[in-house]
C-alpha atoms as a PDB file:
ATOM      1  CA  MET A   1     -13.013  41.039   3.996  1.00  0.00           C
ATOM      2  CA  GLU A   2     -13.357  42.395   0.479  1.00  0.00           C
ATOM      3  CA  THR A   3     -16.452  44.521  -0.096  1.00  0.00           C
ATOM      4  CA  ILE A   4     -18.547  45.454  -3.124  1.00  0.00           C
ATOM      5  CA  LYS A   5     -19.310  49.155  -3.353  1.00  0.00           C
ATOM      6  CA  THR A   6     -22.796  49.743  -4.720  1.00  0.00           C
ATOM      7  CA  GLN A   7     -25.234  52.659  -4.427  1.00  0.00           C
ATOM      8  CA  GLY A   8     -23.402  54.220  -1.476  1.00  0.00           C
ATOM      9  CA  ILE A   9     -22.885  51.052   0.581  1.00  0.00           C
ATOM     10  CA  ALA A  10     -19.941  48.667   0.982  1.00  0.00           C
ATOM     11  CA  MET A  11     -21.300  45.120   1.129  1.00  0.00           C
ATOM     12  CA  PRO A  12     -18.938  42.376   2.367  1.00  0.00           C
ATOM     13  CA  LYS A  13     -18.556  39.765  -0.384  1.00  0.00           C
ATOM     14  CA  LEU A  14     -19.180  36.896   2.043  1.00  0.00           C
ATOM     15  CA  GLY A  15     -22.262  37.088   4.232  1.00  0.00           C
ATOM     16  CA  LEU A  16     -24.174  34.837   6.605  1.00  0.00           C
ATOM     17  CA  GLY A  17     -27.468  33.492   5.276  1.00  0.00           C
ATOM     18  CA  THR A  18     -30.113  32.698   7.906  1.00  0.00           C
ATOM     19  CA  PHE A  19     -33.007  31.017   6.061  1.00  0.00           C
ATOM     20  CA  ARG A  20     -34.635  28.301   8.214  1.00  0.00           C
ATOM     21  CA  MET A  21     -32.744  29.391  11.338  1.00  0.00           C
ATOM     22  CA  GLN A  22     -35.131  29.977  14.233  1.00  0.00           C
ATOM     23  CA  GLY A  23     -35.230  31.179  17.838  1.00  0.00           C
ATOM     24  CA  ASN A  24     -32.318  30.632  20.195  1.00  0.00           C
ATOM     25  CA  ALA A  25     -30.458  28.518  17.639  1.00  0.00           C
ATOM     26  CA  CYS A  26     -30.606  31.428  15.190  1.00  0.00           C
ATOM     27  CA  ARG A  27     -29.426  33.887  17.826  1.00  0.00           C
ATOM     28  CA  ALA A  28     -26.503  31.602  18.750  1.00  0.00           C
ATOM     29  CA  ALA A  29     -25.548  31.149  15.083  1.00  0.00           C
ATOM     30  CA  VAL A  30     -25.507  34.901  14.407  1.00  0.00           C
ATOM     31  CA  GLU A  31     -23.572  35.587  17.611  1.00  0.00           C
ATOM     32  CA  SER A  32     -21.054  32.943  16.526  1.00  0.00           C
ATOM     33  CA  GLY A  33     -20.777  34.419  13.036  1.00  0.00           C
ATOM     34  CA  LEU A  34     -20.226  37.926  14.345  1.00  0.00           C
ATOM     35  CA  SER A  35     -17.552  36.710  16.777  1.00  0.00           C
ATOM     36  CA  LEU A  36     -15.742  34.969  13.888  1.00  0.00           C
ATOM     37  CA  GLY A  37     -15.721  38.175  11.847  1.00  0.00           C
ATOM     38  CA  TYR A  38     -18.836  38.079   9.672  1.00  0.00           C
ATOM     39  CA  ARG A  39     -20.196  41.588   9.134  1.00  0.00           C
ATOM     40  CA  HIS A  40     -22.879  40.879   6.507  1.00  0.00           C
ATOM     41  CA  ILE A  41     -26.093  39.333   7.867  1.00  0.00           C
ATOM     42  CA  ASP A  42     -28.943  38.414   5.528  1.00  0.00           C
ATOM     43  CA  THR A  43     -32.526  37.890   6.711  1.00  0.00           C
ATOM     44  CA  ALA A  44     -36.122  38.486   5.575  1.00  0.00           C
ATOM     45  CA  GLU A  45     -39.525  38.994   7.150  1.00  0.00           C
ATOM     46  CA  MET A  46     -40.570  35.593   5.747  1.00  0.00           C
ATOM     47  CA  TYR A  47     -37.779  33.814   7.644  1.00  0.00           C
ATOM     48  CA  GLY A  48     -39.445  34.678  10.958  1.00  0.00           C
ATOM     49  CA  ASN A  49     -36.073  35.217  12.610  1.00  0.00           C
ATOM     50  CA  GLU A  50     -35.496  38.975  12.633  1.00  0.00           C
ATOM     51  CA  GLU A  51     -36.103  39.073  16.397  1.00  0.00           C
ATOM     52  CA  PRO A  52     -33.336  36.620  17.373  1.00  0.00           C
ATOM     53  CA  ILE A  53     -31.023  38.273  14.845  1.00  0.00           C
ATOM     54  CA  GLY A  54     -31.739  41.655  16.429  1.00  0.00           C
ATOM     55  CA  ALA A  55     -30.946  40.172  19.842  1.00  0.00           C
ATOM     56  CA  ALA A  56     -27.676  38.702  18.526  1.00  0.00           C
ATOM     57  CA  ILE A  57     -26.618  42.022  16.993  1.00  0.00           C
ATOM     58  CA  ALA A  58     -27.399  43.854  20.239  1.00  0.00           C
ATOM     59  CA  ALA A  59     -25.485  41.292  22.324  1.00  0.00           C
ATOM     60  CA  SER A  60     -22.458  41.352  20.010  1.00  0.00           C
ATOM     61  CA  ARG A  61     -21.674  45.025  20.616  1.00  0.00           C
ATOM     62  CA  VAL A  62     -20.188  45.204  17.119  1.00  0.00           C
ATOM     63  CA  PRO A  63     -20.389  48.911  16.142  1.00  0.00           C
ATOM     64  CA  ARG A  64     -23.410  49.462  13.899  1.00  0.00           C
ATOM     65  CA  SER A  65     -21.219  51.237  11.349  1.00  0.00           C
ATOM     66  CA  GLU A  66     -19.265  47.991  10.809  1.00  0.00           C
ATOM     67  CA  LEU A  67     -22.361  45.894  10.061  1.00  0.00           C
ATOM     68  CA  HIS A  68     -24.246  45.286   6.840  1.00  0.00           C
ATOM     69  CA  VAL A  69     -27.809  44.055   7.487  1.00  0.00           C
ATOM     70  CA  THR A  70     -30.146  43.028   4.661  1.00  0.00           C
ATOM     71  CA  THR A  71     -33.834  42.208   5.066  1.00  0.00           C
ATOM     72  CA  LYS A  72     -36.662  41.729   2.589  1.00  0.00           C
ATOM     73  CA  VAL A  73     -40.373  42.337   2.107  1.00  0.00           C
ATOM     74  CA  TRP A  74     -42.446  39.224   1.355  1.00  0.00           C
ATOM     75  CA  VAL A  75     -44.291  38.675  -1.907  1.00  0.00           C
ATOM     76  CA  GLU A  76     -47.740  39.069  -0.266  1.00  0.00           C
ATOM     77  CA  ASN A  77     -46.895  42.542   1.066  1.00  0.00           C
ATOM     78  CA  LEU A  78     -46.009  44.449  -2.085  1.00  0.00           C
ATOM     79  CA  ALA A  79     -48.745  47.100  -1.953  1.00  0.00           C
ATOM     80  CA  PRO A  80     -47.148  50.420  -0.872  1.00  0.00           C
ATOM     81  CA  ASP A  81     -48.926  50.579   2.533  1.00  0.00           C
ATOM     82  CA  ALA A  82     -48.121  46.922   3.224  1.00  0.00           C
ATOM     83  CA  ILE A  83     -44.446  47.499   2.357  1.00  0.00           C
ATOM     84  CA  ARG A  84     -44.271  50.269   4.956  1.00  0.00           C
ATOM     85  CA  ARG A  85     -45.951  48.136   7.610  1.00  0.00           C
ATOM     86  CA  SER A  86     -43.586  45.258   6.854  1.00  0.00           C
ATOM     87  CA  PHE A  87     -40.573  47.535   6.935  1.00  0.00           C
ATOM     88  CA  ASP A  88     -41.582  49.071  10.279  1.00  0.00           C
ATOM     89  CA  ALA A  89     -42.099  45.604  11.776  1.00  0.00           C
ATOM     90  CA  SER A  90     -38.728  44.374  10.469  1.00  0.00           C
ATOM     91  CA  LEU A  91     -36.868  47.370  11.883  1.00  0.00           C
ATOM     92  CA  LYS A  92     -38.508  46.936  15.281  1.00  0.00           C
ATOM     93  CA  LYS A  93     -37.658  43.221  15.436  1.00  0.00           C
ATOM     94  CA  LEU A  94     -34.076  43.874  14.370  1.00  0.00           C
ATOM     95  CA  ARG A  95     -33.781  46.621  17.023  1.00  0.00           C
ATOM     96  CA  LEU A  96     -32.256  48.936  14.437  1.00  0.00           C
ATOM     97  CA  ASP A  97     -33.003  52.488  13.338  1.00  0.00           C
ATOM     98  CA  HIS A  98     -32.075  51.598   9.743  1.00  0.00           C
ATOM     99  CA  VAL A  99     -31.053  48.639   7.597  1.00  0.00           C
ATOM    100  CA  ASP A 100     -28.307  48.724   4.996  1.00  0.00           C
ATOM    101  CA  LEU A 101     -30.266  47.017   2.241  1.00  0.00           C
ATOM    102  CA  TYR A 102     -33.991  46.407   1.785  1.00  0.00           C
ATOM    103  CA  LEU A 103     -35.075  44.025  -0.963  1.00  0.00           C
ATOM    104  CA  VAL A 104     -38.214  42.898  -2.754  1.00  0.00           C
ATOM    105  CA  HIS A 105     -37.940  39.192  -1.818  1.00  0.00           C
ATOM    106  CA  TRP A 106     -39.852  37.795  -4.807  1.00  0.00           C
ATOM    107  CA  PRO A 107     -41.667  39.519  -7.669  1.00  0.00           C
ATOM    108  CA  SER A 108     -45.425  39.075  -7.787  1.00  0.00           C
ATOM    109  CA  ARG A 109     -47.391  38.715 -10.992  1.00  0.00           C
ATOM    110  CA  SER A 110     -49.998  41.134  -9.624  1.00  0.00           C
ATOM    111  CA  MET A 111     -47.636  43.802  -8.275  1.00  0.00           C
ATOM    112  CA  ASP A 112     -47.483  47.370  -9.532  1.00  0.00           C
ATOM    113  CA  LEU A 113     -43.688  47.352  -9.949  1.00  0.00           C
ATOM    114  CA  PRO A 114     -43.223  51.132 -10.346  1.00  0.00           C
ATOM    115  CA  ALA A 115     -45.288  51.726  -7.172  1.00  0.00           C
ATOM    116  CA  VAL A 116     -43.278  49.080  -5.292  1.00  0.00           C
ATOM    117  CA  LEU A 117     -39.971  50.639  -6.316  1.00  0.00           C
ATOM    118  CA  GLU A 118     -41.235  54.141  -5.577  1.00  0.00           C
ATOM    119  CA  THR A 119     -42.075  53.062  -2.020  1.00  0.00           C
ATOM    120  CA  LEU A 120     -38.600  51.569  -1.544  1.00  0.00           C
ATOM    121  CA  MET A 121     -36.995  54.735  -2.934  1.00  0.00           C
ATOM    122  CA  LYS A 122     -38.961  56.804  -0.404  1.00  0.00           C
ATOM    123  CA  LEU A 123     -37.712  54.599   2.450  1.00  0.00           C
ATOM    124  CA  LYS A 124     -34.192  55.219   1.179  1.00  0.00           C
ATOM    125  CA  ALA A 125     -34.783  58.974   0.905  1.00  0.00           C
ATOM    126  CA  GLU A 126     -36.002  58.946   4.516  1.00  0.00           C
ATOM    127  CA  GLY A 127     -32.720  57.347   5.598  1.00  0.00           C
ATOM    128  CA  ARG A 128     -34.418  54.244   6.946  1.00  0.00           C
ATOM    129  CA  THR A 129     -32.567  51.976   4.529  1.00  0.00           C
ATOM    130  CA  ARG A 130     -29.225  52.950   3.088  1.00  0.00           C
ATOM    131  CA  ALA A 131     -29.884  51.137  -0.191  1.00  0.00           C
ATOM    132  CA  ILE A 132     -32.635  49.199  -1.954  1.00  0.00           C
ATOM    133  CA  GLY A 133     -32.622  46.187  -4.229  1.00  0.00           C
ATOM    134  CA  VAL A 134     -34.467  43.186  -5.592  1.00  0.00           C
ATOM    135  CA  ALA A 135     -34.280  39.408  -5.376  1.00  0.00           C
ATOM    136  CA  ASN A 136     -35.325  36.689  -7.819  1.00  0.00           C
ATOM    137  CA  PHE A 137     -35.757  39.197 -10.661  1.00  0.00           C
ATOM    138  CA  THR A 138     -35.397  38.027 -14.262  1.00  0.00           C
ATOM    139  CA  THR A 139     -33.671  40.123 -16.912  1.00  0.00           C
ATOM    140  CA  ALA A 140     -37.103  41.269 -18.150  1.00  0.00           C
ATOM    141  CA  LEU A 141     -38.045  42.525 -14.672  1.00  0.00           C
ATOM    142  CA  LEU A 142     -34.623  44.129 -14.282  1.00  0.00           C
ATOM    143  CA  LYS A 143     -35.100  46.038 -17.540  1.00  0.00           C
ATOM    144  CA  THR A 144     -38.311  47.561 -16.197  1.00  0.00           C
ATOM    145  CA  THR A 145     -36.639  48.336 -12.883  1.00  0.00           C
ATOM    146  CA  VAL A 146     -33.431  49.831 -14.238  1.00  0.00           C
ATOM    147  CA  GLU A 147     -34.331  51.257 -17.647  1.00  0.00           C
ATOM    148  CA  GLU A 148     -37.943  52.367 -17.212  1.00  0.00           C
ATOM    149  CA  VAL A 149     -38.360  53.164 -13.500  1.00  0.00           C
ATOM    150  CA  LYS A 150     -34.639  53.979 -13.135  1.00  0.00           C
ATOM    151  CA  ALA A 151     -34.613  52.686  -9.573  1.00  0.00           C
ATOM    152  CA  PRO A 152     -31.145  52.823  -7.982  1.00  0.00           C
ATOM    153  CA  ILE A 153     -31.000  49.144  -7.050  1.00  0.00           C
ATOM    154  CA  ALA A 154     -27.896  47.968  -5.200  1.00  0.00           C
ATOM    155  CA  CYS A 155     -28.191  44.263  -6.125  1.00  0.00           C
ATOM    156  CA  ASN A 156     -30.247  41.397  -7.460  1.00  0.00           C
ATOM    157  CA  GLN A 157     -30.176  38.455  -5.030  1.00  0.00           C
ATOM    158  CA  VAL A 158     -30.696  35.159  -6.857  1.00  0.00           C
ATOM    159  CA  GLU A 159     -29.810  31.488  -6.696  1.00  0.00           C
ATOM    160  CA  TYR A 160     -26.329  31.054  -8.158  1.00  0.00           C
ATOM    161  CA  HIS A 161     -23.759  28.284  -7.811  1.00  0.00           C
ATOM    162  CA  VAL A 162     -21.434  26.025  -9.835  1.00  0.00           C
ATOM    163  CA  MET A 163     -24.408  23.900 -10.918  1.00  0.00           C
ATOM    164  CA  LEU A 164     -26.600  26.713 -12.290  1.00  0.00           C
ATOM    165  CA  ASP A 165     -25.870  28.890 -15.309  1.00  0.00           C
ATOM    166  CA  GLN A 166     -26.731  32.533 -14.657  1.00  0.00           C
ATOM    167  CA  SER A 167     -24.649  34.000 -17.490  1.00  0.00           C
ATOM    168  CA  LYS A 168     -27.531  35.863 -19.176  1.00  0.00           C
ATOM    169  CA  LEU A 169     -28.563  37.524 -15.921  1.00  0.00           C
ATOM    170  CA  LEU A 170     -24.941  38.226 -14.973  1.00  0.00           C
ATOM    171  CA  ASN A 171     -24.217  39.848 -18.328  1.00  0.00           C
ATOM    172  CA  TYR A 172     -27.113  42.239 -17.809  1.00  0.00           C
ATOM    173  CA  LEU A 173     -26.088  43.036 -14.235  1.00  0.00           C
ATOM    174  CA  VAL A 174     -22.438  43.602 -15.187  1.00  0.00           C
ATOM    175  CA  ARG A 175     -23.464  45.962 -17.987  1.00  0.00           C
ATOM    176  CA  HIS A 176     -25.436  48.030 -15.495  1.00  0.00           C
ATOM    177  CA  ARG A 177     -22.881  47.698 -12.670  1.00  0.00           C
ATOM    178  CA  ILE A 178     -25.333  45.946 -10.384  1.00  0.00           C
ATOM    179  CA  PRO A 179     -23.921  43.247  -8.058  1.00  0.00           C
ATOM    180  CA  LEU A 180     -25.337  39.735  -7.886  1.00  0.00           C
ATOM    181  CA  VAL A 181     -25.787  38.306  -4.377  1.00  0.00           C
ATOM    182  CA  ALA A 182     -25.784  34.508  -4.592  1.00  0.00           C
ATOM    183  CA  TYR A 183     -28.090  32.532  -2.323  1.00  0.00           C
ATOM    184  CA  CYS A 184     -27.881  28.723  -2.173  1.00  0.00           C
ATOM    185  CA  PRO A 185     -24.219  29.159  -3.199  1.00  0.00           C
ATOM    186  CA  LEU A 186     -23.526  25.544  -2.235  1.00  0.00           C
ATOM    187  CA  ALA A 187     -26.593  24.193  -4.106  1.00  0.00           C
ATOM    188  CA  GLN A 188     -28.213  23.227  -0.796  1.00  0.00           C
ATOM    189  CA  GLY A 189     -25.255  20.991   0.052  1.00  0.00           C
ATOM    190  CA  ARG A 190     -25.129  19.198  -3.297  1.00  0.00           C
ATOM    191  CA  VAL A 191     -21.650  20.527  -4.108  1.00  0.00           C
ATOM    192  CA  ALA A 192     -20.159  18.533  -1.204  1.00  0.00           C
ATOM    193  CA  SER A 193     -20.513  15.221  -3.045  1.00  0.00           C
ATOM    194  CA  ASP A 194     -19.424  16.421  -6.491  1.00  0.00           C
ATOM    195  CA  GLU A 195     -16.374  14.439  -7.639  1.00  0.00           C
ATOM    196  CA  THR A 196     -14.860  17.241  -9.749  1.00  0.00           C
ATOM    197  CA  LEU A 197     -15.072  19.761  -6.918  1.00  0.00           C
ATOM    198  CA  GLY A 198     -13.768  17.172  -4.469  1.00  0.00           C
ATOM    199  CA  ALA A 199     -10.710  16.523  -6.654  1.00  0.00           C
ATOM    200  CA  ILE A 200      -9.970  20.249  -6.948  1.00  0.00           C
ATOM    201  CA  GLY A 201     -10.366  20.550  -3.189  1.00  0.00           C
ATOM    202  CA  ARG A 202      -7.902  17.713  -2.499  1.00  0.00           C
ATOM    203  CA  LYS A 203      -5.366  19.427  -4.731  1.00  0.00           C
ATOM    204  CA  HIS A 204      -5.568  22.552  -2.568  1.00  0.00           C
ATOM    205  CA  GLY A 205      -6.154  20.967   0.842  1.00  0.00           C
ATOM    206  CA  ALA A 206      -9.730  22.264   0.839  1.00  0.00           C
ATOM    207  CA  THR A 207     -13.283  20.892   0.692  1.00  0.00           C
ATOM    208  CA  ALA A 208     -15.558  20.735  -2.348  1.00  0.00           C
ATOM    209  CA  ALA A 209     -17.785  23.350  -0.690  1.00  0.00           C
ATOM    210  CA  GLN A 210     -14.857  25.734  -0.225  1.00  0.00           C
ATOM    211  CA  VAL A 211     -13.954  25.334  -3.901  1.00  0.00           C
ATOM    212  CA  ALA A 212     -17.546  26.089  -4.969  1.00  0.00           C
ATOM    213  CA  LEU A 213     -17.704  29.136  -2.713  1.00  0.00           C
ATOM    214  CA  LYS A 214     -14.362  30.548  -3.833  1.00  0.00           C
ATOM    215  CA  TRP A 215     -15.385  30.119  -7.485  1.00  0.00           C
ATOM    216  CA  LEU A 216     -18.287  32.494  -6.796  1.00  0.00           C
ATOM    217  CA  LEU A 217     -16.334  34.971  -4.695  1.00  0.00           C
ATOM    218  CA  ASP A 218     -13.588  35.219  -7.339  1.00  0.00           C
ATOM    219  CA  GLN A 219     -16.117  36.788  -9.717  1.00  0.00           C
ATOM    220  CA  ASP A 220     -16.254  40.579  -9.869  1.00  0.00           C
ATOM    221  CA  GLY A 221     -19.510  41.975  -8.550  1.00  0.00           C
ATOM    222  CA  VAL A 222     -20.642  38.688  -6.983  1.00  0.00           C
ATOM    223  CA  ALA A 223     -21.284  38.235  -3.246  1.00  0.00           C
ATOM    224  CA  ALA A 224     -22.446  35.031  -1.556  1.00  0.00           C
ATOM    225  CA  ILE A 225     -24.539  34.351   1.542  1.00  0.00           C
ATOM    226  CA  PRO A 226     -24.183  30.673   2.491  1.00  0.00           C
ATOM    227  CA  LYS A 227     -26.365  29.575   5.382  1.00  0.00           C
ATOM    228  CA  ALA A 228     -24.203  28.173   8.164  1.00  0.00           C
ATOM    229  CA  SER A 229     -25.493  27.578  11.671  1.00  0.00           C
ATOM    230  CA  ARG A 230     -22.483  25.753  13.138  1.00  0.00           C
ATOM    231  CA  ALA A 231     -19.301  27.662  14.008  1.00  0.00           C
ATOM    232  CA  GLU A 232     -17.218  25.027  12.175  1.00  0.00           C
ATOM    233  CA  SER A 233     -19.140  25.608   8.940  1.00  0.00           C
ATOM    234  CA  GLN A 234     -18.994  29.379   9.359  1.00  0.00           C
ATOM    235  CA  LYS A 235     -15.217  29.215   9.794  1.00  0.00           C
ATOM    236  CA  ALA A 236     -14.834  26.840   6.831  1.00  0.00           C
ATOM    237  CA  ASN A 237     -16.680  29.333   4.630  1.00  0.00           C
ATOM    238  CA  LEU A 238     -14.419  32.168   5.821  1.00  0.00           C
ATOM    239  CA  ASP A 239     -11.373  29.973   5.174  1.00  0.00           C
ATOM    240  CA  ALA A 240     -12.528  29.525   1.563  1.00  0.00           C
ATOM    241  CA  LEU A 241     -11.374  33.120   1.013  1.00  0.00           C
ATOM    242  CA  LYS A 242      -7.757  31.943   1.378  1.00  0.00           C
ATOM    243  CA  LEU A 243      -8.061  29.444  -1.471  1.00  0.00           C
ATOM    244  CA  SER A 244      -6.437  30.184  -4.867  1.00  0.00           C
ATOM    245  CA  LEU A 245      -8.066  28.478  -7.839  1.00  0.00           C
ATOM    246  CA  ASP A 246      -6.029  28.135 -11.047  1.00  0.00           C
ATOM    247  CA  ASP A 247      -7.062  28.101 -14.701  1.00  0.00           C
ATOM    248  CA  ASP A 248      -7.315  24.300 -14.768  1.00  0.00           C
ATOM    249  CA  ASP A 249      -9.680  24.420 -11.780  1.00  0.00           C
ATOM    250  CA  ARG A 250     -11.861  27.024 -13.475  1.00  0.00           C
ATOM    251  CA  LYS A 251     -11.974  25.022 -16.714  1.00  0.00           C
ATOM    252  CA  ALA A 252     -13.075  21.905 -14.818  1.00  0.00           C
ATOM    253  CA  ILE A 253     -15.791  23.882 -13.033  1.00  0.00           C
ATOM    254  CA  ALA A 254     -16.937  25.464 -16.319  1.00  0.00           C
ATOM    255  CA  ALA A 255     -17.432  21.947 -17.727  1.00  0.00           C
ATOM    256  CA  LEU A 256     -19.836  20.913 -14.947  1.00  0.00           C
ATOM    257  CA  PRO A 257     -23.560  20.649 -15.883  1.00  0.00           C
ATOM    258  CA  LYS A 258     -25.219  23.980 -15.096  1.00  0.00           C
ATOM    259  CA  ASP A 259     -28.921  23.105 -15.083  1.00  0.00           C
ATOM    260  CA  ARG A 260     -29.602  22.400 -11.394  1.00  0.00           C
ATOM    261  CA  ARG A 261     -32.032  24.946  -9.944  1.00  0.00           C
ATOM    262  CA  CYS A 262     -32.776  24.223  -6.293  1.00  0.00           C
ATOM    263  CA  VAL A 263     -35.393  26.931  -5.603  1.00  0.00           C
ATOM    264  CA  SER A 264     -38.366  27.409  -7.932  1.00  0.00           C
ATOM    265  CA  PRO A 265     -41.660  27.978  -6.072  1.00  0.00           C
ATOM    266  CA  GLY A 266     -44.933  27.973  -7.945  1.00  0.00           C
ATOM    267  CA  PHE A 267     -45.381  31.706  -7.415  1.00  0.00           C
ATOM    268  CA  GLY A 268     -41.897  32.440  -8.825  1.00  0.00           C
ATOM    269  CA  PRO A 269     -41.266  34.135 -12.155  1.00  0.00           C
ATOM    270  CA  ASP A 270     -40.756  32.383 -15.465  1.00  0.00           C
ATOM    271  CA  TRP A 271     -36.951  32.133 -15.431  1.00  0.00           C
ATOM    272  CA  ASP A 272     -35.432  33.352 -18.662  1.00  0.00           C
END
């Protein structure tokens, strides 16, 4: 598995997303993923599944040094004391003495961003998270983070797929050598029925979803964390790594409409 080196960590380019996975089903899915070779697990306090994920990691007996575990602090807990309480609770549920990456899950309009980032940097300095980062940050928020606060962020995790243009954000991230971690990389399943992607897939003996995923993973500095609870889907996503897209494929994908945002909660930022 290819990795992205960022701020002292090596993050596998393909990870396992776990949003909406719960309880024993979540534990079984993570155990399955780890047995298939996934080493990048993405969760968040808001998902309510850190406990089963911790149980799956413990049961897997995969050496901790081989794993990359990301979790996130929820938007309502961005005061410095609340961040620490959230972090402590996450670590306990995950049964870990550190995580590899700790993210601000969503920006809040009322947050004191420098204080938030300062708290995350302290957690990193204490060795409790190996790296820190953000999610759902616009270029304006990134400028404050990177250029004013100078926080050593290891990624910005955002929605990104063949149906959503993120070129402005990507250009900024590339300039500052910050990886983009793509959530909803399959546009919440919408890519499966796209005729263009389906045709490219047939050409290569692959599915439309595998084409969409490989398009992302072929980009420098881009990782993807598709949610997959069934072993068959997990394996299909891993098999996408074997696919080779050509210039004609990329041109056809570039011509697809890129205005489909799947995730835009009312408390989210004004996307720029």
